[in-house]
Amino acid sequence: MKAERVPMQFSTFIPQIKRSRQLMQIEDNRDVAINQAKLAQAIKKKTKDTFSLTKNKVNDLSIQFKVEQRRIGEWYSSYDPYTIFPTKREAVVYDRKLKNANREELRARVPTLYTYTHTKPANKLSFALQGPHTAAHKIILKALVDAKTVVEVFKIFDEQILTPNDVEEVIFADEVPISGTYSRELQERLERYVKDYEGYYDELLPMFKTTNPDLIKIKHLTNILLNMDPYAVYAWKTTAKASHASLSGKGESLSTPAWDDLFDAPPSRSFRSSDNFTSFVDARKSLFDAHF
């Protein structure tokens, strides 16, 4: 199976890949009748065992800051890492507004497939174990910061994110070891990953058609799914720690990086499906070209 990332047509939303089993059309100010209680119950049922930023699966004890500086002239609130301000003062005002609204603290750095395969199934996921990225996280973050509307975020979702069915097939068919099976230890961690991916996907998808969408939450869930892509990191097929060289930064400190600065070609044996990986690289390169 080639996990192609072919965008759907916005006018008809006819899927060209197995991207969604329930895609819907986005129209501004559309009168959408959604039974919120049933939706919440369905999401809760699907995600009751999935990773939560606010409960017991991600170690969020390190989230203590309120306003942070990403680089010179870029300040942001810990309640919304996808909106930046040129001054700390403006960020503080925004931060207080979100705090008063009882917003959840968020981090732009989120777990990846490497995080899952390097964490025991019963343990909390750590933000520190992201592993070596093929395309730098900076590309995703810049795209989400630039997106100012739900429609713009949906375009990223549409062009970049695989369906849960695609992800499951990639993990348990396309990328399965030559031996035909993963170790028992790795299998359990991958099952957790696939289950969580589906939970996030099913939580995010209905948000695109709500009457009053939560743009911050939509951006954050999109960020999670983009980082959880099977090809977003390499060295996940083992529980051994990746080399120091592979974990080093990929041009993210550069103010005007080129694509080659942000792309790290993985070792040749990292992935079995060259078609899938090429599709991923083409999609991320397109995202880079649109925002850098």
C-alpha atoms as a PDB file:
ATOM      1  CA  MET A   1       0.000   0.000   0.000  1.00  0.00           C
ATOM      2  CA  LYS A   2       1.336   3.368  -0.960  1.00  0.00           C
ATOM      3  CA  ALA A   3       0.404   5.879   1.727  1.00  0.00           C
ATOM      4  CA  GLU A   4      -0.146   8.779  -0.635  1.00  0.00           C
ATOM      5  CA  ARG A   5      -1.101  12.202   0.683  1.00  0.00           C
ATOM      6  CA  VAL A   6      -3.394  13.389  -2.094  1.00  0.00           C
ATOM      7  CA  PRO A   7      -5.587  16.366  -1.124  1.00  0.00           C
ATOM      8  CA  MET A   8      -9.346  16.147  -1.420  1.00  0.00           C
ATOM      9  CA  GLN A   9     -11.414  18.630  -3.374  1.00  0.00           C
ATOM     10  CA  PHE A  10     -12.852  21.213  -0.998  1.00  0.00           C
ATOM     11  CA  SER A  11     -16.030  21.573  -3.064  1.00  0.00           C
ATOM     12  CA  THR A  12     -17.018  17.918  -2.940  1.00  0.00           C
ATOM     13  CA  PHE A  13     -14.804  16.345  -0.279  1.00  0.00           C
ATOM     14  CA  ILE A  14     -14.540  13.128  -2.267  1.00  0.00           C
ATOM     15  CA  PRO A  15     -11.514  11.358  -0.754  1.00  0.00           C
ATOM     16  CA  GLN A  16      -8.761  10.324  -3.132  1.00  0.00           C
ATOM     17  CA  ILE A  17      -7.042   8.173  -0.507  1.00  0.00           C
ATOM     18  CA  LYS A  18      -8.321   6.448   2.583  1.00  0.00           C
ATOM     19  CA  ARG A  19      -7.981   9.733   4.406  1.00  0.00           C
ATOM     20  CA  SER A  20     -11.312   9.772   6.161  1.00  0.00           C
ATOM     21  CA  ARG A  21     -14.398   7.730   6.741  1.00  0.00           C
ATOM     22  CA  GLN A  22     -16.401  10.817   7.685  1.00  0.00           C
ATOM     23  CA  LEU A  23     -15.084  13.838   5.826  1.00  0.00           C
ATOM     24  CA  MET A  24     -17.305  16.882   5.779  1.00  0.00           C
ATOM     25  CA  GLN A  25     -17.446  20.210   3.968  1.00  0.00           C
ATOM     26  CA  ILE A  26     -16.296  23.378   5.687  1.00  0.00           C
ATOM     27  CA  GLU A  27     -18.298  26.498   5.028  1.00  0.00           C
ATOM     28  CA  ASP A  28     -17.974  29.703   7.053  1.00  0.00           C
ATOM     29  CA  ASN A  29     -20.975  30.468   9.272  1.00  0.00           C
ATOM     30  CA  ARG A  30     -22.640  27.240   8.273  1.00  0.00           C
ATOM     31  CA  ASP A  31     -25.578  26.159  10.428  1.00  0.00           C
ATOM     32  CA  VAL A  32     -24.373  22.761  11.643  1.00  0.00           C
ATOM     33  CA  ALA A  33     -26.640  20.656  13.787  1.00  0.00           C
ATOM     34  CA  ILE A  34     -24.396  18.463  15.938  1.00  0.00           C
ATOM     35  CA  ASN A  35     -25.519  16.631  19.008  1.00  0.00           C
ATOM     36  CA  GLN A  36     -22.685  17.713  21.299  1.00  0.00           C
ATOM     37  CA  ALA A  37     -23.568  15.286  24.057  1.00  0.00           C
ATOM     38  CA  LYS A  38     -23.456  12.274  21.738  1.00  0.00           C
ATOM     39  CA  LEU A  39     -20.244  13.522  20.105  1.00  0.00           C
ATOM     40  CA  ALA A  40     -18.544  13.984  23.459  1.00  0.00           C
ATOM     41  CA  GLN A  41     -19.665  10.536  24.547  1.00  0.00           C
ATOM     42  CA  ALA A  42     -18.393   8.961  21.331  1.00  0.00           C
ATOM     43  CA  ILE A  43     -15.021  10.693  21.601  1.00  0.00           C
ATOM     44  CA  LYS A  44     -14.726   9.698  25.254  1.00  0.00           C
ATOM     45  CA  LYS A  45     -15.445   6.105  24.359  1.00  0.00           C
ATOM     46  CA  LYS A  46     -12.889   6.080  21.558  1.00  0.00           C
ATOM     47  CA  THR A  47     -10.180   7.835  23.546  1.00  0.00           C
ATOM     48  CA  LYS A  48     -10.725   6.552  27.074  1.00  0.00           C
ATOM     49  CA  ASP A  49      -7.405   4.715  26.970  1.00  0.00           C
ATOM     50  CA  THR A  50      -5.551   7.127  24.716  1.00  0.00           C
ATOM     51  CA  PHE A  51      -2.858   9.566  25.646  1.00  0.00           C
ATOM     52  CA  SER A  52      -4.082  12.805  27.177  1.00  0.00           C
ATOM     53  CA  LEU A  53      -2.162  15.990  27.714  1.00  0.00           C
ATOM     54  CA  THR A  54      -4.112  16.669  30.878  1.00  0.00           C
ATOM     55  CA  LYS A  55      -4.372  13.269  32.502  1.00  0.00           C
ATOM     56  CA  ASN A  56      -1.992  10.424  33.095  1.00  0.00           C
ATOM     57  CA  LYS A  57      -0.059   9.698  29.959  1.00  0.00           C
ATOM     58  CA  VAL A  58       2.134  12.689  29.189  1.00  0.00           C
ATOM     59  CA  ASN A  59       4.499  13.909  31.831  1.00  0.00           C
ATOM     60  CA  ASP A  60       3.535  17.586  31.882  1.00  0.00           C
ATOM     61  CA  LEU A  61       5.205  18.508  35.167  1.00  0.00           C
ATOM     62  CA  SER A  62       7.776  20.507  33.231  1.00  0.00           C
ATOM     63  CA  ILE A  63       5.120  22.914  31.902  1.00  0.00           C
ATOM     64  CA  GLN A  64       5.649  25.754  34.359  1.00  0.00           C
ATOM     65  CA  PHE A  65       6.219  28.804  32.187  1.00  0.00           C
ATOM     66  CA  LYS A  66       3.449  31.164  31.106  1.00  0.00           C
ATOM     67  CA  VAL A  67       5.130  33.346  28.487  1.00  0.00           C
ATOM     68  CA  GLU A  68       8.166  32.159  26.567  1.00  0.00           C
ATOM     69  CA  GLN A  69      10.464  33.548  23.880  1.00  0.00           C
ATOM     70  CA  ARG A  70      11.036  31.286  20.896  1.00  0.00           C
ATOM     71  CA  ARG A  71      13.520  33.657  19.270  1.00  0.00           C
ATOM     72  CA  ILE A  72      14.101  37.402  19.064  1.00  0.00           C
ATOM     73  CA  GLY A  73      10.776  39.097  18.376  1.00  0.00           C
ATOM     74  CA  GLU A  74       8.715  35.940  18.917  1.00  0.00           C
ATOM     75  CA  TRP A  75       6.887  35.632  22.238  1.00  0.00           C
ATOM     76  CA  TYR A  76       4.087  33.191  22.937  1.00  0.00           C
ATOM     77  CA  SER A  77       1.806  31.993  25.722  1.00  0.00           C
ATOM     78  CA  SER A  78       2.068  28.506  27.156  1.00  0.00           C
ATOM     79  CA  TYR A  79      -1.682  28.262  26.573  1.00  0.00           C
ATOM     80  CA  ASP A  80      -1.223  28.785  22.836  1.00  0.00           C
ATOM     81  CA  PRO A  81       2.220  28.070  21.335  1.00  0.00           C
ATOM     82  CA  TYR A  82       0.806  28.680  17.833  1.00  0.00           C
ATOM     83  CA  THR A  83       0.262  32.444  18.202  1.00  0.00           C
ATOM     84  CA  ILE A  84       3.319  34.688  18.417  1.00  0.00           C
ATOM     85  CA  PHE A  85       3.780  38.334  19.370  1.00  0.00           C
ATOM     86  CA  PRO A  86       6.655  40.739  18.684  1.00  0.00           C
ATOM     87  CA  THR A  87       6.838  41.848  22.348  1.00  0.00           C
ATOM     88  CA  LYS A  88       6.637  40.126  25.691  1.00  0.00           C
ATOM     89  CA  ARG A  89       4.037  42.632  26.864  1.00  0.00           C
ATOM     90  CA  GLU A  90       1.577  41.640  24.132  1.00  0.00           C
ATOM     91  CA  ALA A  91       2.156  37.967  24.863  1.00  0.00           C
ATOM     92  CA  VAL A  92       1.521  38.518  28.569  1.00  0.00           C
ATOM     93  CA  VAL A  93      -1.806  40.248  27.864  1.00  0.00           C
ATOM     94  CA  TYR A  94      -2.856  37.343  25.634  1.00  0.00           C
ATOM     95  CA  ASP A  95      -1.619  34.810  28.167  1.00  0.00           C
ATOM     96  CA  ARG A  96      -3.716  36.330  30.943  1.00  0.00           C
ATOM     97  CA  LYS A  97      -6.764  36.306  28.705  1.00  0.00           C
ATOM     98  CA  LEU A  98      -6.350  32.590  28.032  1.00  0.00           C
ATOM     99  CA  LYS A  99      -5.610  31.833  31.681  1.00  0.00           C
ATOM    100  CA  ASN A 100      -8.805  33.607  32.739  1.00  0.00           C
ATOM    101  CA  ALA A 101     -10.669  31.461  30.227  1.00  0.00           C
ATOM    102  CA  ASN A 102      -9.292  28.347  31.972  1.00  0.00           C
ATOM    103  CA  ARG A 103      -7.378  27.203  28.918  1.00  0.00           C
ATOM    104  CA  GLU A 104      -5.177  24.120  29.030  1.00  0.00           C
ATOM    105  CA  GLU A 105      -1.411  24.633  28.939  1.00  0.00           C
ATOM    106  CA  LEU A 106       0.110  23.201  25.772  1.00  0.00           C
ATOM    107  CA  ARG A 107       3.513  22.463  24.297  1.00  0.00           C
ATOM    108  CA  ALA A 108       4.367  22.633  20.621  1.00  0.00           C
ATOM    109  CA  ARG A 109       6.799  19.758  21.103  1.00  0.00           C
ATOM    110  CA  VAL A 110       4.716  16.603  21.244  1.00  0.00           C
ATOM    111  CA  PRO A 111       5.444  12.850  21.245  1.00  0.00           C
ATOM    112  CA  THR A 112       6.345  11.013  18.048  1.00  0.00           C
ATOM    113  CA  LEU A 113       6.355   7.361  17.017  1.00  0.00           C
ATOM    114  CA  TYR A 114       9.895   7.194  18.416  1.00  0.00           C
ATOM    115  CA  THR A 115       8.484   8.358  21.769  1.00  0.00           C
ATOM    116  CA  TYR A 116       6.043   5.462  21.762  1.00  0.00           C
ATOM    117  CA  THR A 117       8.546   2.759  20.871  1.00  0.00           C
ATOM    118  CA  HIS A 118      10.941   4.034  23.532  1.00  0.00           C
ATOM    119  CA  THR A 119       8.355   4.162  26.306  1.00  0.00           C
ATOM    120  CA  LYS A 120       6.864   1.185  28.123  1.00  0.00           C
ATOM    121  CA  PRO A 121       3.123   0.880  27.381  1.00  0.00           C
ATOM    122  CA  ALA A 122       2.095   1.602  30.980  1.00  0.00           C
ATOM    123  CA  ASN A 123       4.417   4.606  31.383  1.00  0.00           C
ATOM    124  CA  LYS A 124       3.777   8.267  30.682  1.00  0.00           C
ATOM    125  CA  LEU A 125       5.019   9.628  27.383  1.00  0.00           C
ATOM    126  CA  SER A 126       7.808  12.174  27.641  1.00  0.00           C
ATOM    127  CA  PHE A 127       8.278  15.287  25.534  1.00  0.00           C
ATOM    128  CA  ALA A 128      12.031  14.678  25.679  1.00  0.00           C
ATOM    129  CA  LEU A 129      12.007  11.410  23.708  1.00  0.00           C
ATOM    130  CA  GLN A 130      11.120  12.711  20.266  1.00  0.00           C
ATOM    131  CA  GLY A 131      13.838  10.899  18.380  1.00  0.00           C
ATOM    132  CA  PRO A 132      15.527  11.933  15.107  1.00  0.00           C
ATOM    133  CA  HIS A 133      13.198  13.836  12.773  1.00  0.00           C
ATOM    134  CA  THR A 134      13.358  13.329   9.033  1.00  0.00           C
ATOM    135  CA  ALA A 135      11.903  16.803   8.443  1.00  0.00           C
ATOM    136  CA  ALA A 136      12.439  19.297  11.246  1.00  0.00           C
ATOM    137  CA  HIS A 137       9.582  20.141  13.588  1.00  0.00           C
ATOM    138  CA  LYS A 138      10.130  23.789  12.677  1.00  0.00           C
ATOM    139  CA  ILE A 139       8.304  23.212   9.382  1.00  0.00           C
ATOM    140  CA  ILE A 140       5.141  22.066  11.148  1.00  0.00           C
ATOM    141  CA  LEU A 141       5.280  24.813  13.739  1.00  0.00           C
ATOM    142  CA  LYS A 142       5.775  27.576  11.160  1.00  0.00           C
ATOM    143  CA  ALA A 143       2.807  26.309   9.121  1.00  0.00           C
ATOM    144  CA  LEU A 144       0.514  26.220  12.161  1.00  0.00           C
ATOM    145  CA  VAL A 145       1.618  29.677  13.325  1.00  0.00           C
ATOM    146  CA  ASP A 146       0.926  31.049   9.848  1.00  0.00           C
ATOM    147  CA  ALA A 147      -2.551  29.460   9.716  1.00  0.00           C
ATOM    148  CA  LYS A 148      -5.076  32.035  10.944  1.00  0.00           C
ATOM    149  CA  THR A 149      -8.347  30.213  10.211  1.00  0.00           C
ATOM    150  CA  VAL A 150      -9.837  26.747  10.604  1.00  0.00           C
ATOM    151  CA  VAL A 151      -9.988  26.406   6.807  1.00  0.00           C
ATOM    152  CA  GLU A 152      -6.236  27.042   6.586  1.00  0.00           C
ATOM    153  CA  VAL A 153      -5.540  24.390   9.220  1.00  0.00           C
ATOM    154  CA  PHE A 154      -7.845  21.969   7.418  1.00  0.00           C
ATOM    155  CA  LYS A 155      -5.798  22.439   4.262  1.00  0.00           C
ATOM    156  CA  ILE A 156      -2.714  21.289   6.188  1.00  0.00           C
ATOM    157  CA  PHE A 157      -4.667  18.373   7.650  1.00  0.00           C
ATOM    158  CA  ASP A 158      -6.017  17.453   4.233  1.00  0.00           C
ATOM    159  CA  GLU A 159      -2.666  17.438   2.470  1.00  0.00           C
ATOM    160  CA  GLN A 160      -0.427  16.032   5.193  1.00  0.00           C
ATOM    161  CA  ILE A 161      -2.250  13.672   7.559  1.00  0.00           C
ATOM    162  CA  LEU A 162      -2.913   9.980   6.971  1.00  0.00           C
ATOM    163  CA  THR A 163      -6.064   8.220   8.115  1.00  0.00           C
ATOM    164  CA  PRO A 164      -5.862   5.737  10.998  1.00  0.00           C
ATOM    165  CA  ASN A 165      -6.386   2.908   8.501  1.00  0.00           C
ATOM    166  CA  ASP A 166      -3.397   4.085   6.471  1.00  0.00           C
ATOM    167  CA  VAL A 167      -1.241   4.374   9.581  1.00  0.00           C
ATOM    168  CA  GLU A 168      -2.179   0.895  10.780  1.00  0.00           C
ATOM    169  CA  GLU A 169      -1.344  -0.561   7.370  1.00  0.00           C
ATOM    170  CA  VAL A 170       1.982   1.278   7.268  1.00  0.00           C
ATOM    171  CA  ILE A 171       2.983  -0.006  10.703  1.00  0.00           C
ATOM    172  CA  PHE A 172       1.756  -3.586  10.487  1.00  0.00           C
ATOM    173  CA  ALA A 173       2.218  -4.262   6.762  1.00  0.00           C
ATOM    174  CA  ASP A 174       4.405  -1.845   4.822  1.00  0.00           C
ATOM    175  CA  GLU A 175       7.059  -1.352   7.500  1.00  0.00           C
ATOM    176  CA  VAL A 176       6.925  -4.693   9.287  1.00  0.00           C
ATOM    177  CA  PRO A 177      10.404  -6.284   9.615  1.00  0.00           C
ATOM    178  CA  ILE A 178      11.599  -8.782   7.027  1.00  0.00           C
ATOM    179  CA  SER A 179      11.046 -11.497   9.623  1.00  0.00           C
ATOM    180  CA  GLY A 180       7.334 -10.703   9.421  1.00  0.00           C
ATOM    181  CA  THR A 181       6.854  -9.708  13.041  1.00  0.00           C
ATOM    182  CA  TYR A 182       8.004  -7.168  15.609  1.00  0.00           C
ATOM    183  CA  SER A 183       9.321  -8.235  18.957  1.00  0.00           C
ATOM    184  CA  ARG A 184       6.620  -8.641  21.609  1.00  0.00           C
ATOM    185  CA  GLU A 185       7.968  -5.588  23.412  1.00  0.00           C
ATOM    186  CA  LEU A 186       7.791  -3.412  20.302  1.00  0.00           C
ATOM    187  CA  GLN A 187       4.431  -4.836  19.217  1.00  0.00           C
ATOM    188  CA  GLU A 188       2.745  -3.696  22.437  1.00  0.00           C
ATOM    189  CA  ARG A 189       4.159  -0.192  22.085  1.00  0.00           C
ATOM    190  CA  LEU A 190       3.083   0.048  18.453  1.00  0.00           C
ATOM    191  CA  GLU A 191      -0.435  -1.075  19.320  1.00  0.00           C
ATOM    192  CA  ARG A 192      -0.623   1.731  21.864  1.00  0.00           C
ATOM    193  CA  TYR A 193       0.594   4.185  19.235  1.00  0.00           C
ATOM    194  CA  VAL A 194      -1.960   3.100  16.605  1.00  0.00           C
ATOM    195  CA  LYS A 195      -4.781   3.271  19.149  1.00  0.00           C
ATOM    196  CA  ASP A 196      -3.777   6.770  20.270  1.00  0.00           C
ATOM    197  CA  TYR A 197      -3.416   7.978  16.695  1.00  0.00           C
ATOM    198  CA  GLU A 198      -6.949   6.870  15.902  1.00  0.00           C
ATOM    199  CA  GLY A 199      -8.229   8.564  19.063  1.00  0.00           C
ATOM    200  CA  TYR A 200      -6.662  11.895  18.159  1.00  0.00           C
ATOM    201  CA  TYR A 201      -7.832  11.669  14.551  1.00  0.00           C
ATOM    202  CA  ASP A 202     -11.400  10.893  15.559  1.00  0.00           C
ATOM    203  CA  GLU A 203     -11.325  13.717  18.089  1.00  0.00           C
ATOM    204  CA  LEU A 204     -10.022  16.273  15.600  1.00  0.00           C
ATOM    205  CA  LEU A 205     -12.105  15.507  12.526  1.00  0.00           C
ATOM    206  CA  PRO A 206     -15.526  16.615  13.875  1.00  0.00           C
ATOM    207  CA  MET A 207     -14.016  19.870  15.147  1.00  0.00           C
ATOM    208  CA  PHE A 208     -13.634  21.164  11.592  1.00  0.00           C
ATOM    209  CA  LYS A 209     -17.409  21.388  11.160  1.00  0.00           C
ATOM    210  CA  THR A 210     -18.481  22.761  14.533  1.00  0.00           C
ATOM    211  CA  THR A 211     -20.296  26.098  14.629  1.00  0.00           C
ATOM    212  CA  ASN A 212     -17.760  27.683  16.981  1.00  0.00           C
ATOM    213  CA  PRO A 213     -14.496  25.792  16.387  1.00  0.00           C
ATOM    214  CA  ASP A 214     -11.657  26.002  18.908  1.00  0.00           C
ATOM    215  CA  LEU A 215      -8.774  27.066  16.665  1.00  0.00           C
ATOM    216  CA  ILE A 216      -6.121  26.539  19.348  1.00  0.00           C
ATOM    217  CA  LYS A 217      -7.263  22.977  20.044  1.00  0.00           C
ATOM    218  CA  ILE A 218      -7.583  22.230  16.330  1.00  0.00           C
ATOM    219  CA  LYS A 219      -4.033  23.426  15.723  1.00  0.00           C
ATOM    220  CA  HIS A 220      -2.719  21.388  18.629  1.00  0.00           C
ATOM    221  CA  LEU A 221      -4.358  18.139  17.568  1.00  0.00           C
ATOM    222  CA  THR A 222      -3.140  18.739  14.018  1.00  0.00           C
ATOM    223  CA  ASN A 223       0.352  19.239  15.405  1.00  0.00           C
ATOM    224  CA  ILE A 224       0.112  15.957  17.317  1.00  0.00           C
ATOM    225  CA  LEU A 225      -0.969  13.978  14.262  1.00  0.00           C
ATOM    226  CA  LEU A 226       1.681  15.552  12.029  1.00  0.00           C
ATOM    227  CA  ASN A 227       4.377  14.584  14.516  1.00  0.00           C
ATOM    228  CA  MET A 228       2.955  11.077  14.913  1.00  0.00           C
ATOM    229  CA  ASP A 229       3.311  10.339  11.190  1.00  0.00           C
ATOM    230  CA  PRO A 230       5.230   7.036  10.790  1.00  0.00           C
ATOM    231  CA  TYR A 231       7.789   8.766   8.580  1.00  0.00           C
ATOM    232  CA  ALA A 232       8.196  11.939  10.637  1.00  0.00           C
ATOM    233  CA  VAL A 233      10.982  10.256  12.616  1.00  0.00           C
ATOM    234  CA  TYR A 234      13.261   7.288  12.108  1.00  0.00           C
ATOM    235  CA  ALA A 235      15.021   4.827  14.459  1.00  0.00           C
ATOM    236  CA  TRP A 236      11.643   3.798  15.884  1.00  0.00           C
ATOM    237  CA  LYS A 237      11.936   0.124  14.953  1.00  0.00           C
ATOM    238  CA  THR A 238      14.109  -0.581  17.955  1.00  0.00           C
ATOM    239  CA  THR A 239      14.008   0.242  21.644  1.00  0.00           C
ATOM    240  CA  ALA A 240      17.678   1.243  21.553  1.00  0.00           C
ATOM    241  CA  LYS A 241      18.416   4.955  21.815  1.00  0.00           C
ATOM    242  CA  ALA A 242      19.243   6.753  18.575  1.00  0.00           C
ATOM    243  CA  SER A 243      22.772   8.043  18.081  1.00  0.00           C
ATOM    244  CA  HIS A 244      23.761  11.462  19.366  1.00  0.00           C
ATOM    245  CA  ALA A 245      24.509  12.606  15.819  1.00  0.00           C
ATOM    246  CA  SER A 246      21.019  11.696  14.577  1.00  0.00           C
ATOM    247  CA  LEU A 247      19.411  13.506  17.514  1.00  0.00           C
ATOM    248  CA  SER A 248      21.258  16.771  16.903  1.00  0.00           C
ATOM    249  CA  GLY A 249      19.391  19.852  15.682  1.00  0.00           C
ATOM    250  CA  LYS A 250      18.477  20.169  12.015  1.00  0.00           C
ATOM    251  CA  GLY A 251      18.920  23.813  11.136  1.00  0.00           C
ATOM    252  CA  GLU A 252      16.108  24.930  13.433  1.00  0.00           C
ATOM    253  CA  SER A 253      18.192  27.787  14.802  1.00  0.00           C
ATOM    254  CA  LEU A 254      18.600  29.317  11.345  1.00  0.00           C
ATOM    255  CA  SER A 255      16.419  32.332  10.611  1.00  0.00           C
ATOM    256  CA  THR A 256      16.084  31.568   6.897  1.00  0.00           C
ATOM    257  CA  PRO A 257      16.798  27.849   6.460  1.00  0.00           C
ATOM    258  CA  ALA A 258      16.822  26.030   3.151  1.00  0.00           C
ATOM    259  CA  TRP A 259      15.018  22.704   2.770  1.00  0.00           C
ATOM    260  CA  ASP A 260      18.316  20.812   3.021  1.00  0.00           C
ATOM    261  CA  ASP A 261      18.942  22.480   6.393  1.00  0.00           C
ATOM    262  CA  LEU A 262      15.719  21.019   7.789  1.00  0.00           C
ATOM    263  CA  PHE A 263      15.731  17.607   6.149  1.00  0.00           C
ATOM    264  CA  ASP A 264      17.675  14.651   7.522  1.00  0.00           C
ATOM    265  CA  ALA A 265      17.876  11.719   5.141  1.00  0.00           C
ATOM    266  CA  PRO A 266      17.585   8.595   7.328  1.00  0.00           C
ATOM    267  CA  PRO A 267      19.834   5.545   6.945  1.00  0.00           C
ATOM    268  CA  SER A 268      18.817   3.456   3.949  1.00  0.00           C
ATOM    269  CA  ARG A 269      17.418   0.617   6.057  1.00  0.00           C
ATOM    270  CA  SER A 270      15.171   2.836   8.169  1.00  0.00           C
ATOM    271  CA  PHE A 271      12.059   2.292   6.048  1.00  0.00           C
ATOM    272  CA  ARG A 272      11.017  -0.588   3.814  1.00  0.00           C
ATOM    273  CA  SER A 273       8.544   1.344   1.658  1.00  0.00           C
ATOM    274  CA  SER A 274      10.393   3.849  -0.474  1.00  0.00           C
ATOM    275  CA  ASP A 275       7.110   4.927  -2.089  1.00  0.00           C
ATOM    276  CA  ASN A 276       5.578   5.810   1.269  1.00  0.00           C
ATOM    277  CA  PHE A 277       8.643   7.702   2.375  1.00  0.00           C
ATOM    278  CA  THR A 278       8.839   9.611  -0.912  1.00  0.00           C
ATOM    279  CA  SER A 279       5.191  10.578  -0.528  1.00  0.00           C
ATOM    280  CA  PHE A 280       5.900  11.866   2.979  1.00  0.00           C
ATOM    281  CA  VAL A 281       8.957  13.862   1.864  1.00  0.00           C
ATOM    282  CA  ASP A 282       7.050  15.401  -1.047  1.00  0.00           C
ATOM    283  CA  ALA A 283       4.260  16.466   1.309  1.00  0.00           C
ATOM    284  CA  ARG A 284       6.616  18.024   3.862  1.00  0.00           C
ATOM    285  CA  LYS A 285       8.619  19.719   1.093  1.00  0.00           C
ATOM    286  CA  SER A 286       5.367  21.237  -0.165  1.00  0.00           C
ATOM    287  CA  LEU A 287       4.627  22.492   3.358  1.00  0.00           C
ATOM    288  CA  PHE A 288       8.115  23.968   3.581  1.00  0.00           C
ATOM    289  CA  ASP A 289       7.767  25.728   0.213  1.00  0.00           C
ATOM    290  CA  ALA A 290       4.469  27.262   1.290  1.00  0.00           C
ATOM    291  CA  HIS A 291       5.785  28.739   4.537  1.00  0.00           C
ATOM    292  CA  PHE A 292       9.497  29.497   4.091  1.00  0.00           C
END
